[in-house]
Amino acid sequence: MIDATGREIVVERVLSALPAAVFRAWTTPEEIVKWWGPNGFTTTILEMDVRPGGVWRYVMHGPDGRNYANRVIYLEVDPPSRLVFRHTPEARDEPVHHTSIVTFDHVAAQTRVTMRGIFDSAEALQHVVKTYGAAEGAEQTMDRLEAFVAAGSD
């Protein structure tokens, strides 16, 4: 499920893995590089310090050959149930920033992952939807996460 209205993009998926495994996929450099980003993208991690106040800097390499530098500051880290972080482009040339709230809810032997991106305005959300295909990209990122955990996180 995906919803991109108002100031938020919300993507939800039920994965065949326990919350600890899914949380680890989000917070371990060796795992997140295997699935993070839309189809055709790869990720290089420059630093990843998963703790409140910690920074995650990474570069997404697009299938078009462009590189997208990113910077995340973790606001909340509550393993294995919740991550909250503020995303700002590293290059500081993109005017749109957002806060992500990711929850990992235990449902039977599975995990419901809800990724909520909250933008500063509806206009900011529409900018990333139109300019970068953010709604489709979020859905594709969750598809890749789902395939990664289904394969046993290898």
N, C-alpha and C. Protein backbone atom coordinates (compact mmCIF):
# COMPACT_ATOMS: atom_id res chain seq x y z
N MET A 1 0.83 -1.18 0.00
CA MET A 1 0.00 0.00 0.00
C MET A 1 0.87 1.24 0.00
N ILE A 2 0.51 2.23 -0.82
CA ILE A 2 1.21 3.51 -0.82
C ILE A 2 0.19 4.64 -0.90
N ASP A 3 0.49 5.71 -0.18
CA ASP A 3 -0.37 6.88 -0.19
C ASP A 3 0.54 8.10 -0.20
N ALA A 4 0.32 9.00 -1.15
CA ALA A 4 1.13 10.21 -1.23
C ALA A 4 0.20 11.42 -1.34
N THR A 5 -0.36 11.80 -0.21
CA THR A 5 -1.28 12.94 -0.19
C THR A 5 -0.89 13.90 0.93
N GLY A 6 -1.38 15.11 0.80
CA GLY A 6 -1.06 16.11 1.83
C GLY A 6 0.43 16.33 1.89
N ARG A 7 1.01 16.15 3.06
CA ARG A 7 2.45 16.34 3.27
C ARG A 7 3.19 15.01 3.42
N GLU A 8 2.51 13.87 3.23
CA GLU A 8 3.12 12.58 3.55
C GLU A 8 3.10 11.58 2.41
N ILE A 9 4.15 10.80 2.37
CA ILE A 9 4.18 9.56 1.59
C ILE A 9 4.18 8.45 2.62
N VAL A 10 3.24 7.52 2.50
CA VAL A 10 3.17 6.40 3.43
C VAL A 10 3.20 5.12 2.62
N VAL A 11 4.12 4.25 2.96
CA VAL A 11 4.23 2.94 2.32
C VAL A 11 4.17 1.90 3.43
N GLU A 12 3.36 0.88 3.22
CA GLU A 12 3.22 -0.18 4.23
C GLU A 12 3.36 -1.51 3.54
N ARG A 13 4.03 -2.43 4.24
CA ARG A 13 4.23 -3.76 3.68
C ARG A 13 4.33 -4.75 4.82
N VAL A 14 3.77 -5.96 4.64
CA VAL A 14 3.93 -7.04 5.60
C VAL A 14 4.98 -7.98 5.05
N LEU A 15 6.03 -8.19 5.85
CA LEU A 15 7.18 -8.98 5.41
C LEU A 15 7.26 -10.29 6.18
N SER A 16 7.77 -11.30 5.51
CA SER A 16 7.90 -12.63 6.12
C SER A 16 9.21 -12.74 6.88
N ALA A 17 9.34 -11.94 7.91
CA ALA A 17 10.51 -11.97 8.79
C ALA A 17 10.10 -11.30 10.10
N LEU A 18 10.81 -11.63 11.14
CA LEU A 18 10.53 -11.02 12.45
C LEU A 18 11.09 -9.59 12.51
N PRO A 19 10.52 -8.76 13.39
CA PRO A 19 10.97 -7.37 13.48
C PRO A 19 12.48 -7.20 13.67
N ALA A 20 13.11 -8.04 14.46
CA ALA A 20 14.55 -7.88 14.69
C ALA A 20 15.33 -8.00 13.38
N ALA A 21 14.94 -8.94 12.52
CA ALA A 21 15.63 -9.12 11.24
C ALA A 21 15.38 -7.94 10.31
N VAL A 22 14.16 -7.44 10.29
CA VAL A 22 13.83 -6.32 9.41
C VAL A 22 14.51 -5.04 9.91
N PHE A 23 14.51 -4.84 11.22
CA PHE A 23 15.18 -3.67 11.80
C PHE A 23 16.67 -3.73 11.47
N ARG A 24 17.27 -4.91 11.58
CA ARG A 24 18.70 -5.09 11.25
C ARG A 24 18.96 -4.73 9.78
N ALA A 25 18.04 -5.11 8.90
CA ALA A 25 18.20 -4.78 7.48
C ALA A 25 18.23 -3.26 7.26
N TRP A 26 17.54 -2.51 8.10
CA TRP A 26 17.50 -1.05 8.01
C TRP A 26 18.70 -0.38 8.67
N THR A 27 19.40 -1.07 9.56
CA THR A 27 20.39 -0.39 10.40
C THR A 27 21.80 -0.97 10.30
N THR A 28 22.01 -1.93 9.44
CA THR A 28 23.32 -2.55 9.27
C THR A 28 23.85 -2.22 7.88
N PRO A 29 24.99 -1.56 7.78
CA PRO A 29 25.50 -1.16 6.47
C PRO A 29 25.60 -2.31 5.47
N GLU A 30 26.07 -3.46 5.92
CA GLU A 30 26.25 -4.60 5.01
C GLU A 30 24.92 -5.11 4.46
N GLU A 31 23.84 -4.85 5.16
CA GLU A 31 22.53 -5.30 4.70
C GLU A 31 21.81 -4.23 3.88
N ILE A 32 21.80 -3.00 4.37
CA ILE A 32 21.00 -1.97 3.69
C ILE A 32 21.51 -1.68 2.28
N VAL A 33 22.80 -1.84 2.03
CA VAL A 33 23.31 -1.58 0.68
C VAL A 33 22.78 -2.60 -0.34
N LYS A 34 22.27 -3.71 0.14
CA LYS A 34 21.77 -4.75 -0.77
C LYS A 34 20.35 -4.48 -1.25
N TRP A 35 19.64 -3.55 -0.61
CA TRP A 35 18.25 -3.32 -1.01
C TRP A 35 17.81 -1.86 -1.05
N TRP A 36 18.54 -0.93 -0.48
CA TRP A 36 18.08 0.44 -0.34
C TRP A 36 17.99 1.15 -1.70
N GLY A 37 16.88 1.81 -1.92
CA GLY A 37 16.69 2.62 -3.11
C GLY A 37 15.79 1.98 -4.14
N PRO A 38 15.34 2.78 -5.09
CA PRO A 38 14.47 2.27 -6.16
C PRO A 38 15.22 1.29 -7.07
N ASN A 39 14.47 0.65 -7.94
CA ASN A 39 15.05 -0.29 -8.89
C ASN A 39 16.15 0.37 -9.71
N GLY A 40 17.25 -0.35 -9.88
CA GLY A 40 18.35 0.14 -10.68
C GLY A 40 19.36 0.98 -9.93
N PHE A 41 19.06 1.34 -8.69
CA PHE A 41 19.98 2.15 -7.88
C PHE A 41 20.89 1.24 -7.04
N THR A 42 22.09 1.72 -6.79
CA THR A 42 22.97 1.11 -5.81
C THR A 42 23.32 2.18 -4.79
N THR A 43 23.84 1.75 -3.66
CA THR A 43 24.13 2.67 -2.56
C THR A 43 25.54 2.44 -2.04
N THR A 44 26.26 3.52 -1.83
CA THR A 44 27.56 3.49 -1.16
C THR A 44 27.39 4.22 0.16
N ILE A 45 27.75 3.56 1.25
CA ILE A 45 27.65 4.19 2.57
C ILE A 45 28.99 4.82 2.93
N LEU A 46 28.94 6.08 3.31
CA LEU A 46 30.14 6.80 3.75
C LEU A 46 30.30 6.70 5.26
N GLU A 47 29.17 6.77 5.97
CA GLU A 47 29.16 6.55 7.42
C GLU A 47 27.74 6.22 7.84
N MET A 48 27.64 5.41 8.90
CA MET A 48 26.32 5.05 9.42
C MET A 48 26.44 4.82 10.91
N ASP A 49 25.95 5.78 11.67
CA ASP A 49 26.01 5.75 13.13
C ASP A 49 24.57 5.77 13.65
N VAL A 50 24.01 4.57 13.83
CA VAL A 50 22.58 4.44 14.16
C VAL A 50 22.38 4.60 15.67
N ARG A 51 22.18 5.86 16.07
CA ARG A 51 21.86 6.23 17.45
C ARG A 51 21.29 7.63 17.39
N PRO A 52 20.50 8.04 18.38
CA PRO A 52 19.97 9.40 18.36
C PRO A 52 21.12 10.41 18.22
N GLY A 53 21.01 11.27 17.25
CA GLY A 53 22.06 12.24 16.96
C GLY A 53 23.11 11.73 15.99
N GLY A 54 23.09 10.43 15.71
CA GLY A 54 24.04 9.84 14.77
C GLY A 54 23.70 10.20 13.34
N VAL A 55 24.68 10.08 12.47
CA VAL A 55 24.53 10.47 11.08
C VAL A 55 24.73 9.26 10.16
N TRP A 56 23.90 9.21 9.14
CA TRP A 56 24.07 8.25 8.05
C TRP A 56 24.27 9.06 6.78
N ARG A 57 25.45 8.96 6.19
CA ARG A 57 25.76 9.61 4.93
C ARG A 57 25.95 8.54 3.88
N TYR A 58 25.29 8.73 2.75
CA TYR A 58 25.38 7.74 1.68
C TYR A 58 25.19 8.41 0.33
N VAL A 59 25.62 7.69 -0.70
CA VAL A 59 25.44 8.15 -2.07
C VAL A 59 24.63 7.09 -2.80
N MET A 60 23.53 7.54 -3.40
CA MET A 60 22.74 6.65 -4.25
C MET A 60 23.21 6.87 -5.68
N HIS A 61 23.52 5.77 -6.36
CA HIS A 61 23.99 5.82 -7.74
C HIS A 61 22.83 5.40 -8.64
N GLY A 62 22.36 6.33 -9.46
CA GLY A 62 21.20 6.06 -10.30
C GLY A 62 21.57 5.30 -11.56
N PRO A 63 20.60 4.64 -12.14
CA PRO A 63 20.83 3.91 -13.38
C PRO A 63 21.21 4.84 -14.54
N ASP A 64 20.94 6.15 -14.38
CA ASP A 64 21.29 7.13 -15.40
C ASP A 64 22.71 7.66 -15.24
N GLY A 65 23.46 7.09 -14.25
CA GLY A 65 24.83 7.51 -14.01
C GLY A 65 24.97 8.68 -13.04
N ARG A 66 23.86 9.25 -12.60
CA ARG A 66 23.93 10.36 -11.64
C ARG A 66 24.12 9.84 -10.22
N ASN A 67 24.78 10.64 -9.41
CA ASN A 67 24.98 10.32 -8.00
C ASN A 67 24.18 11.31 -7.16
N TYR A 68 23.54 10.77 -6.12
CA TYR A 68 22.71 11.57 -5.24
C TYR A 68 23.24 11.43 -3.82
N ALA A 69 23.91 12.48 -3.33
CA ALA A 69 24.47 12.46 -1.97
C ALA A 69 23.35 12.73 -0.97
N ASN A 70 23.32 11.96 0.11
CA ASN A 70 22.26 12.06 1.12
C ASN A 70 22.86 12.10 2.51
N ARG A 71 22.11 12.74 3.39
CA ARG A 71 22.52 12.81 4.80
C ARG A 71 21.28 12.63 5.65
N VAL A 72 21.38 11.73 6.61
CA VAL A 72 20.30 11.43 7.55
C VAL A 72 20.82 11.67 8.95
N ILE A 73 19.99 12.29 9.78
CA ILE A 73 20.31 12.42 11.21
C ILE A 73 19.25 11.63 11.95
N TYR A 74 19.68 10.64 12.73
CA TYR A 74 18.74 9.83 13.51
C TYR A 74 18.23 10.62 14.70
N LEU A 75 16.92 10.65 14.85
CA LEU A 75 16.29 11.34 15.97
C LEU A 75 15.87 10.36 17.06
N GLU A 76 15.35 9.20 16.65
CA GLU A 76 14.94 8.14 17.58
C GLU A 76 15.40 6.80 17.02
N VAL A 77 15.91 5.96 17.89
CA VAL A 77 16.28 4.60 17.54
C VAL A 77 15.78 3.71 18.66
N ASP A 78 14.76 2.91 18.37
CA ASP A 78 14.14 2.05 19.37
C ASP A 78 14.04 0.62 18.80
N PRO A 79 15.16 -0.16 18.89
CA PRO A 79 15.16 -1.50 18.31
C PRO A 79 14.20 -2.43 19.03
N PRO A 80 13.52 -3.31 18.36
CA PRO A 80 13.41 -3.39 16.90
C PRO A 80 12.10 -2.82 16.40
N SER A 81 11.61 -1.76 17.02
CA SER A 81 10.26 -1.32 16.67
C SER A 81 10.14 0.03 15.96
N ARG A 82 11.16 0.89 16.04
CA ARG A 82 10.94 2.25 15.50
C ARG A 82 12.25 2.95 15.17
N LEU A 83 12.25 3.64 14.03
CA LEU A 83 13.32 4.55 13.63
C LEU A 83 12.69 5.88 13.23
N VAL A 84 13.29 6.97 13.66
CA VAL A 84 12.86 8.29 13.21
C VAL A 84 14.13 9.03 12.80
N PHE A 85 14.10 9.60 11.58
CA PHE A 85 15.28 10.32 11.12
C PHE A 85 14.89 11.48 10.21
N ARG A 86 15.77 12.46 10.17
CA ARG A 86 15.59 13.65 9.33
C ARG A 86 16.53 13.51 8.14
N HIS A 87 15.98 13.63 6.95
CA HIS A 87 16.74 13.47 5.72
C HIS A 87 16.98 14.82 5.07
N THR A 88 18.25 15.10 4.76
CA THR A 88 18.60 16.31 4.02
C THR A 88 19.61 15.91 2.96
N PRO A 89 19.47 16.43 1.75
CA PRO A 89 20.47 16.13 0.73
C PRO A 89 21.83 16.64 1.15
N GLU A 90 22.86 15.85 0.92
CA GLU A 90 24.22 16.21 1.31
C GLU A 90 24.70 17.47 0.59
N ALA A 91 24.38 17.59 -0.67
CA ALA A 91 24.89 18.71 -1.47
C ALA A 91 24.24 20.04 -1.09
N ARG A 92 23.17 19.99 -0.33
CA ARG A 92 22.45 21.17 0.12
C ARG A 92 21.82 21.98 -1.02
N ASP A 93 21.77 21.38 -2.23
CA ASP A 93 21.19 22.11 -3.34
C ASP A 93 19.73 21.74 -3.57
N GLU A 94 19.24 20.72 -2.91
CA GLU A 94 17.84 20.32 -3.01
C GLU A 94 17.08 20.99 -1.87
N PRO A 95 16.03 21.74 -2.19
CA PRO A 95 15.34 22.50 -1.15
C PRO A 95 14.42 21.66 -0.26
N VAL A 96 14.21 20.41 -0.60
CA VAL A 96 13.21 19.62 0.10
C VAL A 96 13.87 18.66 1.10
N HIS A 97 13.43 18.75 2.33
CA HIS A 97 13.87 17.86 3.40
C HIS A 97 12.63 17.18 3.96
N HIS A 98 12.84 16.08 4.65
CA HIS A 98 11.68 15.42 5.26
C HIS A 98 12.11 14.60 6.46
N THR A 99 11.14 14.26 7.27
CA THR A 99 11.36 13.38 8.42
C THR A 99 10.69 12.05 8.11
N SER A 100 11.41 10.97 8.37
CA SER A 100 10.85 9.63 8.17
C SER A 100 10.61 8.97 9.51
N ILE A 101 9.46 8.34 9.61
CA ILE A 101 9.13 7.51 10.78
C ILE A 101 8.89 6.11 10.23
N VAL A 102 9.69 5.17 10.69
CA VAL A 102 9.57 3.79 10.23
C VAL A 102 9.25 2.93 11.44
N THR A 103 8.14 2.20 11.34
CA THR A 103 7.75 1.31 12.44
C THR A 103 7.78 -0.13 11.96
N PHE A 104 8.09 -1.01 12.90
CA PHE A 104 8.23 -2.44 12.64
C PHE A 104 7.32 -3.15 13.63
N ASP A 105 6.12 -3.51 13.20
CA ASP A 105 5.14 -4.12 14.09
C ASP A 105 5.10 -5.63 13.90
N HIS A 106 5.22 -6.35 15.02
CA HIS A 106 5.19 -7.81 15.00
C HIS A 106 3.74 -8.27 14.78
N VAL A 107 3.53 -9.03 13.71
CA VAL A 107 2.21 -9.57 13.37
C VAL A 107 2.41 -11.06 13.08
N ALA A 108 2.01 -11.91 14.04
CA ALA A 108 2.26 -13.36 13.94
C ALA A 108 3.76 -13.56 13.75
N ALA A 109 4.17 -14.28 12.72
CA ALA A 109 5.60 -14.50 12.47
C ALA A 109 6.11 -13.55 11.40
N GLN A 110 5.46 -12.41 11.27
CA GLN A 110 5.81 -11.44 10.25
C GLN A 110 6.00 -10.05 10.86
N THR A 111 6.36 -9.11 9.99
CA THR A 111 6.54 -7.73 10.41
C THR A 111 5.78 -6.81 9.45
N ARG A 112 4.96 -5.94 10.01
CA ARG A 112 4.34 -4.89 9.21
C ARG A 112 5.26 -3.69 9.31
N VAL A 113 5.84 -3.30 8.18
CA VAL A 113 6.71 -2.13 8.11
C VAL A 113 5.89 -0.98 7.55
N THR A 114 5.87 0.11 8.27
CA THR A 114 5.22 1.33 7.78
C THR A 114 6.29 2.41 7.71
N MET A 115 6.49 2.94 6.51
CA MET A 115 7.45 4.01 6.30
C MET A 115 6.66 5.27 5.96
N ARG A 116 6.77 6.27 6.82
CA ARG A 116 6.02 7.51 6.66
C ARG A 116 7.02 8.65 6.47
N GLY A 117 7.01 9.27 5.29
CA GLY A 117 7.84 10.43 5.02
C GLY A 117 7.00 11.68 5.17
N ILE A 118 7.36 12.55 6.09
CA ILE A 118 6.59 13.77 6.37
C ILE A 118 7.40 14.98 5.87
N PHE A 119 6.83 15.67 4.91
CA PHE A 119 7.50 16.80 4.28
C PHE A 119 7.06 18.10 4.93
N ASP A 120 7.83 19.15 4.74
CA ASP A 120 7.54 20.43 5.36
C ASP A 120 6.27 21.07 4.82
N SER A 121 5.88 20.69 3.59
CA SER A 121 4.67 21.23 2.99
C SER A 121 4.16 20.27 1.93
N ALA A 122 2.91 20.44 1.52
CA ALA A 122 2.35 19.65 0.43
C ALA A 122 3.11 19.94 -0.87
N GLU A 123 3.53 21.18 -1.04
CA GLU A 123 4.29 21.55 -2.24
C GLU A 123 5.64 20.83 -2.28
N ALA A 124 6.28 20.69 -1.14
CA ALA A 124 7.55 19.98 -1.09
C ALA A 124 7.36 18.51 -1.47
N LEU A 125 6.31 17.90 -0.95
CA LEU A 125 6.02 16.51 -1.31
C LEU A 125 5.78 16.39 -2.82
N GLN A 126 4.96 17.26 -3.37
CA GLN A 126 4.67 17.19 -4.80
C GLN A 126 5.92 17.42 -5.64
N HIS A 127 6.84 18.24 -5.16
CA HIS A 127 8.11 18.46 -5.86
C HIS A 127 8.87 17.15 -6.00
N VAL A 128 9.02 16.40 -4.91
CA VAL A 128 9.79 15.15 -5.00
C VAL A 128 9.03 14.06 -5.75
N VAL A 129 7.71 14.09 -5.68
CA VAL A 129 6.91 13.12 -6.43
C VAL A 129 7.10 13.36 -7.93
N LYS A 130 7.02 14.62 -8.35
CA LYS A 130 7.12 14.95 -9.78
C LYS A 130 8.56 14.93 -10.29
N THR A 131 9.49 15.44 -9.50
CA THR A 131 10.87 15.56 -9.95
C THR A 131 11.62 14.23 -9.89
N TYR A 132 11.38 13.46 -8.82
CA TYR A 132 12.17 12.25 -8.60
C TYR A 132 11.36 10.96 -8.64
N GLY A 133 10.05 11.06 -8.82
CA GLY A 133 9.22 9.84 -8.78
C GLY A 133 9.24 9.21 -7.41
N ALA A 134 9.17 10.04 -6.38
CA ALA A 134 9.34 9.57 -5.00
C ALA A 134 8.32 8.52 -4.58
N ALA A 135 7.08 8.62 -5.03
CA ALA A 135 6.07 7.63 -4.63
C ALA A 135 6.43 6.26 -5.20
N GLU A 136 6.75 6.22 -6.50
CA GLU A 136 7.15 4.94 -7.11
C GLU A 136 8.46 4.44 -6.51
N GLY A 137 9.38 5.37 -6.24
CA GLY A 137 10.66 4.99 -5.66
C GLY A 137 10.50 4.38 -4.28
N ALA A 138 9.60 4.94 -3.47
CA ALA A 138 9.36 4.38 -2.13
C ALA A 138 8.77 2.98 -2.25
N GLU A 139 7.85 2.80 -3.17
CA GLU A 139 7.25 1.48 -3.38
C GLU A 139 8.30 0.47 -3.86
N GLN A 140 9.14 0.88 -4.78
CA GLN A 140 10.19 -0.01 -5.28
C GLN A 140 11.20 -0.35 -4.19
N THR A 141 11.51 0.62 -3.34
CA THR A 141 12.43 0.37 -2.22
C THR A 141 11.85 -0.70 -1.29
N MET A 142 10.55 -0.60 -1.00
CA MET A 142 9.91 -1.61 -0.15
C MET A 142 9.86 -2.97 -0.86
N ASP A 143 9.68 -2.97 -2.18
CA ASP A 143 9.74 -4.23 -2.94
C ASP A 143 11.11 -4.89 -2.76
N ARG A 144 12.14 -4.08 -2.86
CA ARG A 144 13.50 -4.60 -2.72
C ARG A 144 13.76 -5.11 -1.30
N LEU A 145 13.25 -4.39 -0.30
CA LEU A 145 13.37 -4.87 1.09
C LEU A 145 12.64 -6.19 1.25
N GLU A 146 11.46 -6.28 0.70
CA GLU A 146 10.67 -7.52 0.81
C GLU A 146 11.42 -8.69 0.18
N ALA A 147 12.01 -8.49 -0.99
CA ALA A 147 12.78 -9.56 -1.64
C ALA A 147 14.01 -9.91 -0.82
N PHE A 148 14.65 -8.91 -0.23
CA PHE A 148 15.86 -9.15 0.56
C PHE A 148 15.55 -10.02 1.78
N VAL A 149 14.52 -9.66 2.53
CA VAL A 149 14.21 -10.46 3.74
C VAL A 149 13.64 -11.82 3.37
N ALA A 150 12.93 -11.92 2.24
CA ALA A 150 12.40 -13.21 1.80
C ALA A 150 13.53 -14.18 1.44
N ALA A 151 14.64 -13.61 0.96
CA ALA A 151 15.81 -14.44 0.59
C ALA A 151 16.64 -14.83 1.81
N GLY A 152 16.21 -14.42 2.99
CA GLY A 152 16.93 -14.77 4.21
C GLY A 152 18.00 -13.79 4.56
N SER A 153 17.88 -12.56 4.05
CA SER A 153 18.82 -11.47 4.38
C SER A 153 20.23 -11.79 3.99
N ASP A 154 20.39 -12.42 2.81
CA ASP A 154 21.78 -12.68 2.39
C ASP A 154 22.20 -11.97 1.17
